[in-house]
Amino acid sequence: MNTPMGLMELGALELRLSELLGADVDLPVAALRADLSDRVLAEGVTL
């Protein structure tokens, strides 16, 4: 992947891939822009 995505783009891609594959899809935070991935990781909660 050459161009980092925003959070909304990542969510839309995960949703579309889940629909196409018929399975849950979890894309890595590394696919996000650097400024967003830092924030996401800082606010992340382990489930």
N, C-alpha and C. Protein backbone atom coordinates (compact mmCIF):
# COMPACT_ATOMS: atom_id res chain seq x y z
N MET A 1 0.85 -1.17 0.00
CA MET A 1 0.00 0.00 0.00
C MET A 1 0.89 1.23 0.00
N ASN A 2 0.74 2.08 -0.98
CA ASN A 2 1.61 3.24 -1.12
C ASN A 2 1.09 4.48 -0.43
N THR A 3 -0.22 4.66 -0.37
CA THR A 3 -0.80 5.87 0.21
C THR A 3 -1.52 5.53 1.50
N PRO A 4 -1.09 6.08 2.64
CA PRO A 4 -1.78 5.82 3.90
C PRO A 4 -3.23 6.32 3.84
N MET A 5 -4.10 5.65 4.58
CA MET A 5 -5.53 5.98 4.60
C MET A 5 -5.90 6.75 5.84
N GLY A 6 -7.03 7.43 5.76
CA GLY A 6 -7.64 8.03 6.93
C GLY A 6 -8.48 6.98 7.63
N LEU A 7 -8.96 7.28 8.82
CA LEU A 7 -9.73 6.34 9.62
C LEU A 7 -11.02 5.92 8.92
N MET A 8 -11.72 6.85 8.30
CA MET A 8 -12.96 6.54 7.61
C MET A 8 -12.71 5.63 6.40
N GLU A 9 -11.64 5.88 5.68
CA GLU A 9 -11.29 5.04 4.53
C GLU A 9 -10.96 3.61 4.98
N LEU A 10 -10.22 3.50 6.07
CA LEU A 10 -9.86 2.19 6.60
C LEU A 10 -11.12 1.43 7.01
N GLY A 11 -12.03 2.11 7.70
CA GLY A 11 -13.28 1.47 8.12
C GLY A 11 -14.12 1.03 6.94
N ALA A 12 -14.21 1.87 5.92
CA ALA A 12 -14.99 1.53 4.73
C ALA A 12 -14.38 0.34 4.00
N LEU A 13 -13.06 0.28 3.93
CA LEU A 13 -12.39 -0.83 3.28
C LEU A 13 -12.61 -2.13 4.05
N GLU A 14 -12.49 -2.07 5.38
CA GLU A 14 -12.74 -3.26 6.20
C GLU A 14 -14.16 -3.77 6.00
N LEU A 15 -15.13 -2.86 5.98
CA LEU A 15 -16.52 -3.24 5.80
C LEU A 15 -16.74 -3.89 4.43
N ARG A 16 -16.21 -3.28 3.40
CA ARG A 16 -16.39 -3.81 2.03
C ARG A 16 -15.73 -5.18 1.89
N LEU A 17 -14.51 -5.32 2.42
CA LEU A 17 -13.83 -6.61 2.34
C LEU A 17 -14.59 -7.68 3.12
N SER A 18 -15.15 -7.32 4.27
CA SER A 18 -15.95 -8.26 5.06
C SER A 18 -17.16 -8.73 4.27
N GLU A 19 -17.81 -7.79 3.57
CA GLU A 19 -18.98 -8.15 2.76
C GLU A 19 -18.57 -9.08 1.62
N LEU A 20 -17.48 -8.79 0.95
CA LEU A 20 -17.04 -9.60 -0.19
C LEU A 20 -16.57 -10.99 0.24
N LEU A 21 -15.88 -11.06 1.37
CA LEU A 21 -15.30 -12.32 1.81
C LEU A 21 -16.22 -13.14 2.69
N GLY A 22 -17.25 -12.49 3.25
CA GLY A 22 -18.15 -13.19 4.15
C GLY A 22 -17.49 -13.55 5.47
N ALA A 23 -16.50 -12.77 5.87
CA ALA A 23 -15.77 -13.01 7.12
C ALA A 23 -15.31 -11.67 7.68
N ASP A 24 -15.05 -11.65 8.98
CA ASP A 24 -14.53 -10.44 9.61
C ASP A 24 -13.15 -10.12 9.06
N VAL A 25 -12.89 -8.84 8.85
CA VAL A 25 -11.59 -8.37 8.36
C VAL A 25 -11.08 -7.31 9.31
N ASP A 26 -9.84 -7.43 9.73
CA ASP A 26 -9.22 -6.46 10.63
C ASP A 26 -7.90 -6.02 10.00
N LEU A 27 -7.91 -4.81 9.44
CA LEU A 27 -6.70 -4.30 8.79
C LEU A 27 -5.79 -3.66 9.84
N PRO A 28 -4.48 -3.71 9.62
CA PRO A 28 -3.54 -3.18 10.60
C PRO A 28 -3.56 -1.66 10.69
N VAL A 29 -3.28 -1.15 11.86
CA VAL A 29 -3.22 0.29 12.08
C VAL A 29 -2.13 0.91 11.21
N ALA A 30 -1.15 0.13 10.81
CA ALA A 30 -0.07 0.63 9.96
C ALA A 30 -0.59 1.16 8.63
N ALA A 31 -1.81 0.79 8.25
CA ALA A 31 -2.40 1.27 7.00
C ALA A 31 -2.86 2.72 7.13
N LEU A 32 -2.95 3.22 8.35
CA LEU A 32 -3.39 4.60 8.58
C LEU A 32 -2.26 5.59 8.39
N ARG A 33 -2.64 6.84 8.19
CA ARG A 33 -1.64 7.92 8.16
C ARG A 33 -0.91 7.92 9.50
N ALA A 34 0.33 8.34 9.50
CA ALA A 34 1.17 8.30 10.71
C ALA A 34 0.54 9.07 11.86
N ASP A 35 -0.02 10.25 11.60
CA ASP A 35 -0.60 11.03 12.69
C ASP A 35 -1.82 10.34 13.28
N LEU A 36 -2.59 9.62 12.48
CA LEU A 36 -3.75 8.90 12.99
C LEU A 36 -3.36 7.63 13.70
N SER A 37 -2.38 6.90 13.17
CA SER A 37 -2.00 5.65 13.80
C SER A 37 -1.43 5.89 15.20
N ASP A 38 -0.67 6.97 15.38
CA ASP A 38 -0.16 7.32 16.71
C ASP A 38 -1.31 7.56 17.68
N ARG A 39 -2.32 8.28 17.23
CA ARG A 39 -3.47 8.59 18.09
C ARG A 39 -4.29 7.33 18.39
N VAL A 40 -4.52 6.51 17.37
CA VAL A 40 -5.29 5.28 17.56
C VAL A 40 -4.58 4.36 18.56
N LEU A 41 -3.28 4.20 18.40
CA LEU A 41 -2.53 3.34 19.31
C LEU A 41 -2.54 3.90 20.73
N ALA A 42 -2.47 5.22 20.87
CA ALA A 42 -2.47 5.84 22.21
C ALA A 42 -3.81 5.67 22.91
N GLU A 43 -4.90 5.64 22.13
CA GLU A 43 -6.25 5.55 22.71
C GLU A 43 -6.79 4.12 22.71
N GLY A 44 -6.01 3.17 22.20
CA GLY A 44 -6.48 1.80 22.08
C GLY A 44 -6.77 1.16 23.42
N VAL A 45 -7.77 0.27 23.43
CA VAL A 45 -8.15 -0.48 24.63
C VAL A 45 -8.11 -1.96 24.28
N THR A 46 -7.43 -2.74 25.07
CA THR A 46 -7.37 -4.17 24.84
C THR A 46 -8.70 -4.80 25.21
N LEU A 47 -9.21 -5.62 24.30
CA LEU A 47 -10.49 -6.30 24.55
C LEU A 47 -10.26 -7.73 24.97
